[in-house]
Amino acid sequence: MRPADGWKTLIIPTHPGVQYHFCRVGLPTYFLGHWDQFKYWRPQPANVHNLLPAFEDAHLDYEPHDYARLLDSGEHFRFPGELDLAWLMFNWQFKLFRERRDIPKLYRVAKVGELERDDWAELLQRDDFTVVSFYPNTVEWVRETFGVEVPYIPLGLDVDAYGPWTGEDRTVLSIIHSYRERGWHYGAYLEAMRDLPTLHVDHLDPTKPTLGYDGILSALRRSRVYLHDGEQEYTITLLEAMMTGMPLVSFAIPGIERYVVHGRNGFVGRTAAEIREYCRLLLDDDELARKMGAASRAMAVAQYDERRWRADWIAAVDGYMRAQTGNR
């Protein structure tokens, strides 16, 4: 039987944005750490309970064996205790819980390459794991490769938390962490943005500005253009830019056409010269920027409403957990 306040879920420090939005689903969530480690990333939702009494700088250097020690030590909590479910995201988290069969596990996978093929095969056949993805390309690959239908739950955002967009700062905004190290189109970005007014937020680069969460929301509202790059489809900040009502420019990456519709809510470019041309056009043309920004907002409200995200996640978790408890 489902607990009155929802399934008690363990979560390990992971991608701050994805983690924050999963926590907003509203399940009673127990964080294997202390939320203060995220500082400027995202505010702590009320349903999140810290399992460590305080944040220490040393937590930022924790390796998988450190989290294994926390799970087994019983120093601050008993594992699994009254916990119902472990929510996992990264491949090291899958491996950390691989032999911990005393708790059901949900693996929120993004990219195909996060796991080796043998790991995928094992994960998909075990009944103490379930898999959910928010990338349709990954869902399609799993279906074609293993004949397994993985639930697809695209991200959802609070429609009232973003905007209204003003675009009053004629600036090209990008929020891409570790951009230089990740590579992607970083060299082309530098060439395209030469002499253009830019704001690049990278909380993992000490040479870049650090903005609190309210500062991020303000930058999204005030900046004229959002420039997107990545390795697969969308990022959380791309959807946040859409929900704010920003016109978009993106490098051509797999699946981007689902989010940046060329000529409708922004432009997709393949070269530095094209990216520069599209950004300059939106910086100079107020009416075009307004029109494309309105299209972004309409797409986001229609497709990425947090209420749908919450309902889909609760249904996925509830269905899996009811099956698990029925099997016990």
C-alpha atoms as a PDB file:
ATOM      1  CA  MET A   1       0.000   0.000   0.000  1.00  0.00           C
ATOM      2  CA  ARG A   2       1.273   3.444  -0.872  1.00  0.00           C
ATOM      3  CA  PRO A   3       2.310   5.552   2.166  1.00  0.00           C
ATOM      4  CA  ALA A   4      -0.017   8.462   2.866  1.00  0.00           C
ATOM      5  CA  ASP A   5       2.677  11.054   2.099  1.00  0.00           C
ATOM      6  CA  GLY A   6       4.242   9.176  -0.807  1.00  0.00           C
ATOM      7  CA  TRP A   7       7.127   6.766  -1.277  1.00  0.00           C
ATOM      8  CA  LYS A   8      10.149   7.748   0.808  1.00  0.00           C
ATOM      9  CA  THR A   9      12.931   8.289  -1.707  1.00  0.00           C
ATOM     10  CA  LEU A  10      16.709   8.353  -1.243  1.00  0.00           C
ATOM     11  CA  ILE A  11      18.645  10.630  -3.585  1.00  0.00           C
ATOM     12  CA  ILE A  12      22.419  11.013  -3.904  1.00  0.00           C
ATOM     13  CA  PRO A  13      24.047  14.318  -4.951  1.00  0.00           C
ATOM     14  CA  THR A  14      23.791  14.488  -8.716  1.00  0.00           C
ATOM     15  CA  HIS A  15      23.123  17.021 -11.475  1.00  0.00           C
ATOM     16  CA  PRO A  16      21.730  19.970  -9.446  1.00  0.00           C
ATOM     17  CA  GLY A  17      19.106  20.997 -11.972  1.00  0.00           C
ATOM     18  CA  VAL A  18      17.690  17.524 -12.648  1.00  0.00           C
ATOM     19  CA  GLN A  19      17.822  16.726  -8.946  1.00  0.00           C
ATOM     20  CA  TYR A  20      15.984  19.933  -8.031  1.00  0.00           C
ATOM     21  CA  HIS A  21      13.178  19.305 -10.465  1.00  0.00           C
ATOM     22  CA  PHE A  22      12.809  15.662  -9.447  1.00  0.00           C
ATOM     23  CA  CYS A  23      12.524  16.787  -5.832  1.00  0.00           C
ATOM     24  CA  ARG A  24       9.709  19.136  -6.902  1.00  0.00           C
ATOM     25  CA  VAL A  25       7.644  16.067  -7.758  1.00  0.00           C
ATOM     26  CA  GLY A  26       6.830  16.214  -4.042  1.00  0.00           C
ATOM     27  CA  LEU A  27       7.763  12.758  -2.763  1.00  0.00           C
ATOM     28  CA  PRO A  28       9.329  12.742   0.721  1.00  0.00           C
ATOM     29  CA  THR A  29      12.971  12.855  -0.352  1.00  0.00           C
ATOM     30  CA  TYR A  30      16.035  12.035   1.743  1.00  0.00           C
ATOM     31  CA  PHE A  31      19.240  13.615   0.473  1.00  0.00           C
ATOM     32  CA  LEU A  32      22.495  11.687   1.055  1.00  0.00           C
ATOM     33  CA  GLY A  33      24.336  14.865   1.941  1.00  0.00           C
ATOM     34  CA  HIS A  34      23.289  18.404   2.826  1.00  0.00           C
ATOM     35  CA  TRP A  35      21.568  20.715   0.336  1.00  0.00           C
ATOM     36  CA  ASP A  36      23.779  23.650   1.327  1.00  0.00           C
ATOM     37  CA  GLN A  37      26.488  22.181  -0.888  1.00  0.00           C
ATOM     38  CA  PHE A  38      24.588  23.555  -3.885  1.00  0.00           C
ATOM     39  CA  LYS A  39      24.675  27.154  -2.630  1.00  0.00           C
ATOM     40  CA  TYR A  40      23.724  29.166  -5.722  1.00  0.00           C
ATOM     41  CA  TRP A  41      22.356  26.270  -7.776  1.00  0.00           C
ATOM     42  CA  ARG A  42      18.768  25.726  -6.617  1.00  0.00           C
ATOM     43  CA  PRO A  43      16.736  26.339  -3.438  1.00  0.00           C
ATOM     44  CA  GLN A  44      15.962  23.350  -1.208  1.00  0.00           C
ATOM     45  CA  PRO A  45      12.357  22.160  -1.654  1.00  0.00           C
ATOM     46  CA  ALA A  46      10.355  21.736   1.543  1.00  0.00           C
ATOM     47  CA  ASN A  47       9.925  17.973   1.030  1.00  0.00           C
ATOM     48  CA  VAL A  48      13.706  17.361   1.057  1.00  0.00           C
ATOM     49  CA  HIS A  49      15.329  16.072   4.270  1.00  0.00           C
ATOM     50  CA  ASN A  50      19.100  16.276   4.702  1.00  0.00           C
ATOM     51  CA  LEU A  51      20.712  13.056   5.942  1.00  0.00           C
ATOM     52  CA  LEU A  52      23.920  14.833   6.970  1.00  0.00           C
ATOM     53  CA  PRO A  53      23.629  17.493   9.691  1.00  0.00           C
ATOM     54  CA  ALA A  54      25.708  20.140   7.871  1.00  0.00           C
ATOM     55  CA  PHE A  55      27.614  20.739   4.669  1.00  0.00           C
ATOM     56  CA  GLU A  56      31.395  20.458   4.729  1.00  0.00           C
ATOM     57  CA  ASP A  57      33.708  21.385   1.855  1.00  0.00           C
ATOM     58  CA  ALA A  58      35.096  17.840   1.926  1.00  0.00           C
ATOM     59  CA  HIS A  59      31.720  16.566   0.672  1.00  0.00           C
ATOM     60  CA  LEU A  60      32.486  18.052  -2.746  1.00  0.00           C
ATOM     61  CA  ASP A  61      35.336  15.555  -3.133  1.00  0.00           C
ATOM     62  CA  TYR A  62      33.337  12.495  -2.152  1.00  0.00           C
ATOM     63  CA  GLU A  63      33.908   9.424  -4.311  1.00  0.00           C
ATOM     64  CA  PRO A  64      31.587   6.385  -4.652  1.00  0.00           C
ATOM     65  CA  HIS A  65      33.341   4.608  -1.765  1.00  0.00           C
ATOM     66  CA  ASP A  66      32.552   7.590   0.503  1.00  0.00           C
ATOM     67  CA  TYR A  67      28.844   7.247  -0.258  1.00  0.00           C
ATOM     68  CA  ALA A  68      29.096   3.490   0.282  1.00  0.00           C
ATOM     69  CA  ARG A  69      30.558   4.211   3.707  1.00  0.00           C
ATOM     70  CA  LEU A  70      27.683   6.587   4.518  1.00  0.00           C
ATOM     71  CA  LEU A  71      25.141   3.966   3.532  1.00  0.00           C
ATOM     72  CA  ASP A  72      26.754   1.254   5.640  1.00  0.00           C
ATOM     73  CA  SER A  73      27.995   3.150   8.690  1.00  0.00           C
ATOM     74  CA  GLY A  74      24.665   3.889  10.366  1.00  0.00           C
ATOM     75  CA  GLU A  75      26.252   7.053  11.746  1.00  0.00           C
ATOM     76  CA  HIS A  76      23.489   9.512  10.841  1.00  0.00           C
ATOM     77  CA  PHE A  77      20.734   7.195   9.572  1.00  0.00           C
ATOM     78  CA  ARG A  78      19.913   3.532   9.020  1.00  0.00           C
ATOM     79  CA  PHE A  79      19.908   2.237   5.467  1.00  0.00           C
ATOM     80  CA  PRO A  80      17.513   1.317   4.080  1.00  0.00           C
ATOM     81  CA  GLY A  81      15.551   1.892   7.293  1.00  0.00           C
ATOM     82  CA  GLU A  82      12.117   3.205   6.358  1.00  0.00           C
ATOM     83  CA  LEU A  83      13.187   4.259   2.857  1.00  0.00           C
ATOM     84  CA  ASP A  84      11.138   2.819   0.007  1.00  0.00           C
ATOM     85  CA  LEU A  85      13.124   3.705  -3.111  1.00  0.00           C
ATOM     86  CA  ALA A  86      16.570   4.855  -4.296  1.00  0.00           C
ATOM     87  CA  TRP A  87      16.563   7.397  -7.159  1.00  0.00           C
ATOM     88  CA  LEU A  88      19.773   7.134  -9.196  1.00  0.00           C
ATOM     89  CA  MET A  89      21.128   9.133 -12.094  1.00  0.00           C
ATOM     90  CA  PHE A  90      24.810   8.552 -12.893  1.00  0.00           C
ATOM     91  CA  ASN A  91      26.491   5.297 -13.918  1.00  0.00           C
ATOM     92  CA  TRP A  92      28.568   5.235 -10.719  1.00  0.00           C
ATOM     93  CA  GLN A  93      25.323   5.358  -8.744  1.00  0.00           C
ATOM     94  CA  PHE A  94      24.013   2.365 -10.671  1.00  0.00           C
ATOM     95  CA  LYS A  95      27.205   0.495  -9.792  1.00  0.00           C
ATOM     96  CA  LEU A  96      27.056   1.648  -6.152  1.00  0.00           C
ATOM     97  CA  PHE A  97      23.583   0.102  -5.782  1.00  0.00           C
ATOM     98  CA  ARG A  98      24.124  -2.874  -8.068  1.00  0.00           C
ATOM     99  CA  GLU A  99      24.447  -5.350  -5.194  1.00  0.00           C
ATOM    100  CA  ARG A 100      22.175  -3.501  -2.764  1.00  0.00           C
ATOM    101  CA  ARG A 101      19.103  -5.579  -3.423  1.00  0.00           C
ATOM    102  CA  ASP A 102      17.369  -4.577  -0.201  1.00  0.00           C
ATOM    103  CA  ILE A 103      15.744  -1.505  -1.795  1.00  0.00           C
ATOM    104  CA  PRO A 104      13.970  -0.932  -5.146  1.00  0.00           C
ATOM    105  CA  LYS A 105      15.909   1.382  -7.451  1.00  0.00           C
ATOM    106  CA  LEU A 106      14.836   3.852 -10.138  1.00  0.00           C
ATOM    107  CA  TYR A 107      17.545   4.746 -12.651  1.00  0.00           C
ATOM    108  CA  ARG A 108      16.850   8.069 -14.365  1.00  0.00           C
ATOM    109  CA  VAL A 109      18.994   7.706 -17.462  1.00  0.00           C
ATOM    110  CA  ALA A 110      19.800  10.452 -19.942  1.00  0.00           C
ATOM    111  CA  LYS A 111      22.364   9.395 -22.523  1.00  0.00           C
ATOM    112  CA  VAL A 112      22.920   6.013 -24.110  1.00  0.00           C
ATOM    113  CA  GLY A 113      26.658   6.207 -23.435  1.00  0.00           C
ATOM    114  CA  GLU A 114      26.212   6.484 -19.677  1.00  0.00           C
ATOM    115  CA  LEU A 115      26.311   2.690 -19.408  1.00  0.00           C
ATOM    116  CA  GLU A 116      28.149  -0.104 -21.182  1.00  0.00           C
ATOM    117  CA  ARG A 117      25.977  -2.396 -23.286  1.00  0.00           C
ATOM    118  CA  ASP A 118      26.306  -5.281 -20.802  1.00  0.00           C
ATOM    119  CA  ASP A 119      25.246  -2.949 -17.989  1.00  0.00           C
ATOM    120  CA  TRP A 120      22.206  -1.910 -20.011  1.00  0.00           C
ATOM    121  CA  ALA A 121      21.267  -5.545 -20.564  1.00  0.00           C
ATOM    122  CA  GLU A 122      21.554  -6.313 -16.848  1.00  0.00           C
ATOM    123  CA  LEU A 123      19.703  -3.180 -15.772  1.00  0.00           C
ATOM    124  CA  LEU A 124      16.752  -3.816 -18.057  1.00  0.00           C
ATOM    125  CA  GLN A 125      16.226  -7.435 -16.951  1.00  0.00           C
ATOM    126  CA  ARG A 126      16.433  -6.922 -13.180  1.00  0.00           C
ATOM    127  CA  ASP A 127      13.166  -6.546 -11.309  1.00  0.00           C
ATOM    128  CA  ASP A 128      14.758  -4.487  -8.504  1.00  0.00           C
ATOM    129  CA  PHE A 129      15.504  -1.710 -11.034  1.00  0.00           C
ATOM    130  CA  THR A 130      13.245   0.375 -13.219  1.00  0.00           C
ATOM    131  CA  VAL A 131      14.408   2.839 -15.865  1.00  0.00           C
ATOM    132  CA  VAL A 132      12.984   6.209 -16.928  1.00  0.00           C
ATOM    133  CA  SER A 133      14.490   8.709 -19.391  1.00  0.00           C
ATOM    134  CA  PHE A 134      13.814  12.297 -20.389  1.00  0.00           C
ATOM    135  CA  TYR A 135      15.589  12.038 -23.747  1.00  0.00           C
ATOM    136  CA  PRO A 136      13.474  10.565 -26.567  1.00  0.00           C
ATOM    137  CA  ASN A 137      16.594   9.545 -28.502  1.00  0.00           C
ATOM    138  CA  THR A 138      17.609   7.310 -25.587  1.00  0.00           C
ATOM    139  CA  VAL A 139      14.122   5.799 -25.372  1.00  0.00           C
ATOM    140  CA  GLU A 140      14.242   5.003 -29.094  1.00  0.00           C
ATOM    141  CA  TRP A 141      17.698   3.405 -28.791  1.00  0.00           C
ATOM    142  CA  VAL A 142      16.622   1.157 -25.913  1.00  0.00           C
ATOM    143  CA  ARG A 143      13.541   0.078 -27.866  1.00  0.00           C
ATOM    144  CA  GLU A 144      15.534  -0.684 -31.019  1.00  0.00           C
ATOM    145  CA  THR A 145      18.437  -2.377 -29.208  1.00  0.00           C
ATOM    146  CA  PHE A 146      16.713  -4.384 -26.479  1.00  0.00           C
ATOM    147  CA  GLY A 147      13.039  -4.370 -27.433  1.00  0.00           C
ATOM    148  CA  VAL A 148      12.193  -2.711 -24.111  1.00  0.00           C
ATOM    149  CA  GLU A 149       9.864   0.263 -23.787  1.00  0.00           C
ATOM    150  CA  VAL A 150      11.348   2.720 -21.282  1.00  0.00           C
ATOM    151  CA  PRO A 151       9.011   5.443 -19.987  1.00  0.00           C
ATOM    152  CA  TYR A 152       9.760   8.869 -21.453  1.00  0.00           C
ATOM    153  CA  ILE A 153       9.087  11.761 -19.080  1.00  0.00           C
ATOM    154  CA  PRO A 154      10.200  15.117 -20.522  1.00  0.00           C
ATOM    155  CA  LEU A 155      11.151  17.767 -18.003  1.00  0.00           C
ATOM    156  CA  GLY A 156       8.515  20.035 -16.507  1.00  0.00           C
ATOM    157  CA  LEU A 157       8.818  23.564 -15.147  1.00  0.00           C
ATOM    158  CA  ASP A 158       6.652  25.821 -13.008  1.00  0.00           C
ATOM    159  CA  VAL A 159       4.937  28.019 -15.593  1.00  0.00           C
ATOM    160  CA  ASP A 160       4.602  30.866 -13.090  1.00  0.00           C
ATOM    161  CA  ALA A 161       8.231  30.905 -11.923  1.00  0.00           C
ATOM    162  CA  TYR A 162       9.785  32.195 -15.157  1.00  0.00           C
ATOM    163  CA  GLY A 163       9.404  35.474 -16.982  1.00  0.00           C
ATOM    164  CA  PRO A 164       8.041  37.797 -17.977  1.00  0.00           C
ATOM    165  CA  TRP A 165      10.837  38.298 -20.504  1.00  0.00           C
ATOM    166  CA  THR A 166      11.832  41.889 -21.193  1.00  0.00           C
ATOM    167  CA  GLY A 167      15.034  41.490 -23.215  1.00  0.00           C
ATOM    168  CA  GLU A 168      16.091  44.929 -22.049  1.00  0.00           C
ATOM    169  CA  ASP A 169      19.753  43.933 -21.833  1.00  0.00           C
ATOM    170  CA  ARG A 170      20.995  43.555 -25.408  1.00  0.00           C
ATOM    171  CA  THR A 171      23.103  40.584 -24.367  1.00  0.00           C
ATOM    172  CA  VAL A 172      23.574  37.011 -25.560  1.00  0.00           C
ATOM    173  CA  LEU A 173      23.150  34.777 -22.509  1.00  0.00           C
ATOM    174  CA  SER A 174      24.528  31.252 -22.196  1.00  0.00           C
ATOM    175  CA  ILE A 175      24.428  29.054 -19.081  1.00  0.00           C
ATOM    176  CA  ILE A 176      26.764  26.158 -19.791  1.00  0.00           C
ATOM    177  CA  HIS A 177      28.850  24.688 -16.998  1.00  0.00           C
ATOM    178  CA  SER A 178      32.344  23.336 -17.735  1.00  0.00           C
ATOM    179  CA  TYR A 179      31.916  24.570 -21.315  1.00  0.00           C
ATOM    180  CA  ARG A 180      35.625  24.862 -22.028  1.00  0.00           C
ATOM    181  CA  GLU A 181      36.376  21.370 -20.679  1.00  0.00           C
ATOM    182  CA  ARG A 182      33.421  19.741 -22.399  1.00  0.00           C
ATOM    183  CA  GLY A 183      34.421  21.167 -25.729  1.00  0.00           C
ATOM    184  CA  TRP A 184      31.273  20.795 -27.827  1.00  0.00           C
ATOM    185  CA  HIS A 185      31.284  23.984 -29.984  1.00  0.00           C
ATOM    186  CA  TYR A 186      33.299  26.071 -27.520  1.00  0.00           C
ATOM    187  CA  GLY A 187      35.824  27.288 -30.103  1.00  0.00           C
ATOM    188  CA  ALA A 188      33.031  28.263 -32.481  1.00  0.00           C
ATOM    189  CA  TYR A 189      31.254  30.006 -29.606  1.00  0.00           C
ATOM    190  CA  LEU A 190      34.305  32.169 -28.893  1.00  0.00           C
ATOM    191  CA  GLU A 191      34.597  33.068 -32.574  1.00  0.00           C
ATOM    192  CA  ALA A 192      30.878  33.781 -32.951  1.00  0.00           C
ATOM    193  CA  MET A 193      30.684  35.969 -29.851  1.00  0.00           C
ATOM    194  CA  ARG A 194      33.728  38.078 -30.683  1.00  0.00           C
ATOM    195  CA  ASP A 195      32.785  41.728 -29.990  1.00  0.00           C
ATOM    196  CA  LEU A 196      29.159  40.816 -29.218  1.00  0.00           C
ATOM    197  CA  PRO A 197      27.743  41.656 -25.761  1.00  0.00           C
ATOM    198  CA  THR A 198      27.621  38.357 -23.846  1.00  0.00           C
ATOM    199  CA  LEU A 199      26.976  36.895 -20.429  1.00  0.00           C
ATOM    200  CA  HIS A 200      28.272  33.351 -20.003  1.00  0.00           C
ATOM    201  CA  VAL A 201      27.413  31.795 -16.640  1.00  0.00           C
ATOM    202  CA  ASP A 202      29.574  28.821 -15.645  1.00  0.00           C
ATOM    203  CA  HIS A 203      29.489  28.058 -11.933  1.00  0.00           C
ATOM    204  CA  LEU A 204      32.349  25.579 -12.342  1.00  0.00           C
ATOM    205  CA  ASP A 205      34.700  28.100 -13.978  1.00  0.00           C
ATOM    206  CA  PRO A 206      36.258  30.493 -11.448  1.00  0.00           C
ATOM    207  CA  THR A 207      36.791  33.105 -14.184  1.00  0.00           C
ATOM    208  CA  LYS A 208      33.051  33.353 -14.877  1.00  0.00           C
ATOM    209  CA  PRO A 209      30.382  35.150 -12.827  1.00  0.00           C
ATOM    210  CA  THR A 210      28.515  33.229 -10.132  1.00  0.00           C
ATOM    211  CA  LEU A 211      24.825  34.030  -9.944  1.00  0.00           C
ATOM    212  CA  GLY A 212      22.405  32.879  -7.281  1.00  0.00           C
ATOM    213  CA  TYR A 213      19.171  31.267  -8.370  1.00  0.00           C
ATOM    214  CA  ASP A 214      17.346  34.606  -8.367  1.00  0.00           C
ATOM    215  CA  GLY A 215      20.203  36.031 -10.406  1.00  0.00           C
ATOM    216  CA  ILE A 216      19.783  33.279 -12.983  1.00  0.00           C
ATOM    217  CA  LEU A 217      16.067  34.012 -13.264  1.00  0.00           C
ATOM    218  CA  SER A 218      16.820  37.723 -13.660  1.00  0.00           C
ATOM    219  CA  ALA A 219      19.416  37.071 -16.368  1.00  0.00           C
ATOM    220  CA  LEU A 220      16.908  34.940 -18.276  1.00  0.00           C
ATOM    221  CA  ARG A 221      14.294  37.690 -18.105  1.00  0.00           C
ATOM    222  CA  ARG A 222      16.563  40.567 -19.028  1.00  0.00           C
ATOM    223  CA  SER A 223      18.913  39.086 -21.652  1.00  0.00           C
ATOM    224  CA  ARG A 224      17.930  39.496 -25.283  1.00  0.00           C
ATOM    225  CA  VAL A 225      18.972  36.087 -26.681  1.00  0.00           C
ATOM    226  CA  TYR A 226      19.667  32.663 -25.229  1.00  0.00           C
ATOM    227  CA  LEU A 227      22.484  30.715 -26.913  1.00  0.00           C
ATOM    228  CA  HIS A 228      22.335  26.930 -26.483  1.00  0.00           C
ATOM    229  CA  ASP A 229      24.916  24.201 -26.952  1.00  0.00           C
ATOM    230  CA  GLY A 230      25.185  20.644 -25.705  1.00  0.00           C
ATOM    231  CA  GLU A 231      25.928  17.062 -26.610  1.00  0.00           C
ATOM    232  CA  GLN A 232      22.382  15.727 -26.860  1.00  0.00           C
ATOM    233  CA  GLU A 233      19.029  17.377 -27.378  1.00  0.00           C
ATOM    234  CA  TYR A 234      18.158  19.822 -24.622  1.00  0.00           C
ATOM    235  CA  THR A 235      19.377  21.022 -21.247  1.00  0.00           C
ATOM    236  CA  ILE A 236      17.345  22.291 -18.337  1.00  0.00           C
ATOM    237  CA  THR A 237      18.427  25.876 -18.933  1.00  0.00           C
ATOM    238  CA  LEU A 238      17.269  25.702 -22.556  1.00  0.00           C
ATOM    239  CA  LEU A 239      13.765  24.838 -21.354  1.00  0.00           C
ATOM    240  CA  GLU A 240      14.013  27.537 -18.694  1.00  0.00           C
ATOM    241  CA  ALA A 241      14.887  30.051 -21.402  1.00  0.00           C
ATOM    242  CA  MET A 242      11.876  28.861 -23.394  1.00  0.00           C
ATOM    243  CA  MET A 243       9.566  29.096 -20.382  1.00  0.00           C
ATOM    244  CA  THR A 244      10.856  32.613 -19.701  1.00  0.00           C
ATOM    245  CA  GLY A 245       9.937  33.589 -23.257  1.00  0.00           C
ATOM    246  CA  MET A 246      13.391  34.099 -24.779  1.00  0.00           C
ATOM    247  CA  PRO A 247      14.287  33.913 -28.472  1.00  0.00           C
ATOM    248  CA  LEU A 248      16.840  31.144 -29.008  1.00  0.00           C
ATOM    249  CA  VAL A 249      19.930  30.450 -31.041  1.00  0.00           C
ATOM    250  CA  SER A 250      21.411  26.950 -30.951  1.00  0.00           C
ATOM    251  CA  PHE A 251      24.236  25.031 -32.472  1.00  0.00           C
ATOM    252  CA  ALA A 252      23.019  22.073 -34.552  1.00  0.00           C
ATOM    253  CA  ILE A 253      22.954  19.067 -32.225  1.00  0.00           C
ATOM    254  CA  PRO A 254      20.920  15.828 -32.379  1.00  0.00           C
ATOM    255  CA  GLY A 255      17.260  16.360 -31.535  1.00  0.00           C
ATOM    256  CA  ILE A 256      17.459  20.154 -31.167  1.00  0.00           C
ATOM    257  CA  GLU A 257      14.683  20.634 -33.718  1.00  0.00           C
ATOM    258  CA  ARG A 258      12.191  19.526 -31.053  1.00  0.00           C
ATOM    259  CA  TYR A 259      12.981  22.640 -29.022  1.00  0.00           C
ATOM    260  CA  VAL A 260      14.423  25.269 -31.350  1.00  0.00           C
ATOM    261  CA  VAL A 261      12.263  25.406 -34.460  1.00  0.00           C
ATOM    262  CA  HIS A 262      14.319  27.308 -37.003  1.00  0.00           C
ATOM    263  CA  GLY A 263      12.531  30.507 -38.007  1.00  0.00           C
ATOM    264  CA  ARG A 264       9.762  30.113 -35.406  1.00  0.00           C
ATOM    265  CA  ASN A 265      11.186  30.539 -31.903  1.00  0.00           C
ATOM    266  CA  GLY A 266      14.812  30.968 -32.889  1.00  0.00           C
ATOM    267  CA  PHE A 267      17.533  29.811 -35.220  1.00  0.00           C
ATOM    268  CA  VAL A 268      19.829  26.784 -35.544  1.00  0.00           C
ATOM    269  CA  GLY A 269      23.315  27.382 -36.934  1.00  0.00           C
ATOM    270  CA  ARG A 270      26.124  25.072 -37.998  1.00  0.00           C
ATOM    271  CA  THR A 271      29.024  27.489 -38.177  1.00  0.00           C
ATOM    272  CA  ALA A 272      30.365  30.299 -36.056  1.00  0.00           C
ATOM    273  CA  ALA A 273      29.444  32.747 -38.816  1.00  0.00           C
ATOM    274  CA  GLU A 274      25.810  31.568 -38.832  1.00  0.00           C
ATOM    275  CA  ILE A 275      25.542  31.687 -35.045  1.00  0.00           C
ATOM    276  CA  ARG A 276      26.962  35.209 -35.045  1.00  0.00           C
ATOM    277  CA  GLU A 277      24.554  36.337 -37.781  1.00  0.00           C
ATOM    278  CA  TYR A 278      21.487  34.973 -35.960  1.00  0.00           C
ATOM    279  CA  CYS A 279      22.504  36.467 -32.611  1.00  0.00           C
ATOM    280  CA  ARG A 280      23.174  39.861 -34.173  1.00  0.00           C
ATOM    281  CA  LEU A 281      19.817  39.741 -35.964  1.00  0.00           C
ATOM    282  CA  LEU A 282      17.939  39.153 -32.701  1.00  0.00           C
ATOM    283  CA  LEU A 283      19.993  41.768 -30.862  1.00  0.00           C
ATOM    284  CA  ASP A 284      19.067  44.366 -33.486  1.00  0.00           C
ATOM    285  CA  ASP A 285      15.467  43.450 -34.334  1.00  0.00           C
ATOM    286  CA  ASP A 286      13.206  44.097 -31.350  1.00  0.00           C
ATOM    287  CA  GLU A 287      10.019  42.899 -33.034  1.00  0.00           C
ATOM    288  CA  LEU A 288      11.548  39.640 -34.272  1.00  0.00           C
ATOM    289  CA  ALA A 289      12.997  38.935 -30.831  1.00  0.00           C
ATOM    290  CA  ARG A 290       9.619  39.576 -29.205  1.00  0.00           C
ATOM    291  CA  LYS A 291       7.778  37.363 -31.698  1.00  0.00           C
ATOM    292  CA  MET A 292      10.201  34.467 -31.354  1.00  0.00           C
ATOM    293  CA  GLY A 293      10.289  34.798 -27.573  1.00  0.00           C
ATOM    294  CA  ALA A 294       6.497  34.560 -27.441  1.00  0.00           C
ATOM    295  CA  ALA A 295       6.686  31.384 -29.550  1.00  0.00           C
ATOM    296  CA  SER A 296       9.225  29.895 -27.109  1.00  0.00           C
ATOM    297  CA  ARG A 297       6.957  30.601 -24.175  1.00  0.00           C
ATOM    298  CA  ALA A 298       3.913  29.107 -25.901  1.00  0.00           C
ATOM    299  CA  MET A 299       5.835  25.919 -26.751  1.00  0.00           C
ATOM    300  CA  ALA A 300       7.143  25.568 -23.204  1.00  0.00           C
ATOM    301  CA  VAL A 301       3.741  26.080 -21.567  1.00  0.00           C
ATOM    302  CA  ALA A 302       2.131  23.567 -23.920  1.00  0.00           C
ATOM    303  CA  GLN A 303       4.803  20.860 -23.615  1.00  0.00           C
ATOM    304  CA  TYR A 304       6.768  21.315 -20.381  1.00  0.00           C
ATOM    305  CA  ASP A 305       4.275  22.246 -17.674  1.00  0.00           C
ATOM    306  CA  GLU A 306       5.463  21.002 -14.282  1.00  0.00           C
ATOM    307  CA  ARG A 307       1.999  19.677 -13.452  1.00  0.00           C
ATOM    308  CA  ARG A 308       2.331  17.118 -16.238  1.00  0.00           C
ATOM    309  CA  TRP A 309       5.902  16.270 -15.150  1.00  0.00           C
ATOM    310  CA  ARG A 310       4.753  15.713 -11.558  1.00  0.00           C
ATOM    311  CA  ALA A 311       1.783  13.542 -12.543  1.00  0.00           C
ATOM    312  CA  ASP A 312       3.888  11.424 -14.907  1.00  0.00           C
ATOM    313  CA  TRP A 313       6.605  10.859 -12.301  1.00  0.00           C
ATOM    314  CA  ILE A 314       4.148   9.972  -9.551  1.00  0.00           C
ATOM    315  CA  ALA A 315       2.428   7.504 -11.890  1.00  0.00           C
ATOM    316  CA  ALA A 316       5.774   5.930 -12.890  1.00  0.00           C
ATOM    317  CA  VAL A 317       7.008   5.614  -9.313  1.00  0.00           C
ATOM    318  CA  ASP A 318       3.658   4.470  -7.972  1.00  0.00           C
ATOM    319  CA  GLY A 319       3.222   1.802 -10.637  1.00  0.00           C
ATOM    320  CA  TYR A 320       6.711   0.438 -10.078  1.00  0.00           C
ATOM    321  CA  MET A 321       6.475   0.488  -6.289  1.00  0.00           C
ATOM    322  CA  ARG A 322       3.046  -1.143  -6.215  1.00  0.00           C
ATOM    323  CA  ALA A 323       4.466  -3.949  -8.344  1.00  0.00           C
ATOM    324  CA  GLN A 324       7.447  -4.218  -5.993  1.00  0.00           C
ATOM    325  CA  THR A 325       5.382  -4.366  -2.828  1.00  0.00           C
ATOM    326  CA  GLY A 326       3.050  -6.846  -4.477  1.00  0.00           C
ATOM    327  CA  ASN A 327       6.016  -9.103  -5.178  1.00  0.00           C
ATOM    328  CA  ARG A 328       7.185  -9.128  -1.545  1.00  0.00           C
END
